Amino acid sequence: MFRPLNDAVLINVDDCYSKTASGLFIPDNAWADQEPQTAEVVAVGNKVDNLKAGDKVIFIKFSGYKHPSLKEGQRIIRHAEIMAKVL
Protein backbone atom coordinates (compact mmCIF):
# COMPACT_ATOMS: atom_id res chain seq x y z
CA MET A 1 0.00 0.00 0.00
CA PHE A 2 1.18 3.49 -0.84
CA ARG A 3 0.42 6.71 1.00
CA PRO A 4 0.55 9.65 -1.41
CA LEU A 5 2.35 12.79 -0.24
CA ASN A 6 1.47 16.47 -0.70
CA ASP A 7 -0.85 16.91 -3.71
CA ALA A 8 -0.52 13.36 -5.06
CA VAL A 9 -3.55 11.10 -5.51
CA LEU A 10 -3.48 7.30 -5.85
CA ILE A 11 -6.21 6.14 -8.25
CA ASN A 12 -7.58 2.87 -9.55
CA VAL A 13 -8.22 3.40 -13.27
CA ASP A 14 -11.57 2.11 -14.56
CA ASP A 15 -11.45 -0.39 -17.40
CA CYS A 16 -12.50 1.13 -20.72
CA TYR A 17 -13.51 -2.04 -22.42
CA SER A 18 -16.63 -1.90 -24.52
CA LYS A 19 -18.61 -4.92 -25.61
CA THR A 20 -20.20 -5.10 -29.04
CA ALA A 21 -23.61 -6.63 -29.72
CA SER A 22 -21.88 -9.82 -30.91
CA GLY A 23 -19.89 -10.12 -27.66
CA LEU A 24 -16.50 -8.84 -28.84
CA PHE A 25 -14.50 -6.69 -26.41
CA ILE A 26 -12.96 -3.49 -27.75
CA PRO A 27 -9.83 -2.48 -25.75
CA ASP A 28 -9.32 1.04 -24.40
CA ASN A 29 -6.59 1.87 -26.92
CA ALA A 30 -9.25 1.76 -29.63
CA TRP A 31 -10.74 4.86 -28.00
CA ALA A 32 -7.49 6.87 -28.07
CA ASP A 33 -9.27 9.98 -29.30
CA GLN A 34 -11.27 10.13 -26.06
CA GLU A 35 -8.62 11.56 -23.74
CA PRO A 36 -10.42 11.87 -20.37
CA GLN A 37 -10.79 8.70 -18.33
CA THR A 38 -12.51 7.81 -15.06
CA ALA A 39 -10.98 6.35 -11.93
CA GLU A 40 -11.70 5.67 -8.27
CA VAL A 41 -9.61 7.44 -5.65
CA VAL A 42 -7.73 4.99 -3.40
CA ALA A 43 -5.78 7.45 -1.24
CA VAL A 44 -4.92 11.16 -1.18
CA GLY A 45 -1.96 13.23 -0.03
CA ASN A 46 -2.11 15.57 2.96
CA LYS A 47 -2.55 18.71 0.81
CA VAL A 48 -5.66 17.42 -0.98
CA ASP A 49 -8.76 18.46 0.92
CA ASN A 50 -11.63 18.04 -1.57
CA LEU A 51 -11.20 14.32 -2.37
CA LYS A 52 -11.37 11.16 -0.31
CA ALA A 53 -10.98 7.43 -0.89
CA GLY A 54 -13.89 6.05 -2.90
CA ASP A 55 -14.58 9.22 -4.91
CA LYS A 56 -14.95 8.86 -8.68
CA VAL A 57 -12.92 11.33 -10.75
CA ILE A 58 -12.24 12.21 -14.37
CA PHE A 59 -8.58 12.71 -15.21
CA ILE A 60 -6.39 13.25 -18.25
CA LYS A 61 -5.80 9.78 -19.70
CA PHE A 62 -2.03 9.83 -20.18
CA SER A 63 -1.17 11.64 -16.94
CA GLY A 64 0.41 10.29 -13.80
CA TYR A 65 2.96 7.64 -12.99
CA LYS A 66 2.81 3.88 -13.10
CA HIS A 67 5.21 2.04 -10.81
CA PRO A 68 6.04 -1.68 -10.83
CA SER A 69 5.08 -2.05 -7.17
CA LEU A 70 1.60 -0.58 -7.70
CA LYS A 71 -1.29 -2.96 -8.29
CA GLU A 72 -2.54 -3.48 -11.85
CA GLY A 73 -4.58 -0.47 -12.96
CA GLN A 74 -3.28 1.85 -10.25
CA ARG A 75 -1.56 5.14 -10.97
CA ILE A 76 -0.26 8.10 -8.97
CA ILE A 77 -1.34 11.46 -10.36
CA ARG A 78 -1.09 15.08 -9.23
CA HIS A 79 -4.25 16.71 -7.95
CA ALA A 80 -4.05 19.29 -10.76
CA GLU A 81 -4.43 16.49 -13.36
CA ILE A 82 -7.91 15.69 -12.09
CA MET A 83 -10.48 17.50 -14.22
CA ALA A 84 -13.67 16.75 -12.27
CA LYS A 85 -15.26 14.79 -9.45
CA VAL A 86 -18.19 12.60 -10.48
CA LEU A 87 -21.19 13.25 -8.22
Foldseek 3Di string as FASTA:
>chain_A
DDADAAQKWKWQFDFPWDADPVGDIDGPVVVVVPFKGKTFTCHGHPNDDPDGGGWIFIFGRPAFDDDPPDDPRMGMHGNVRTDGTDD
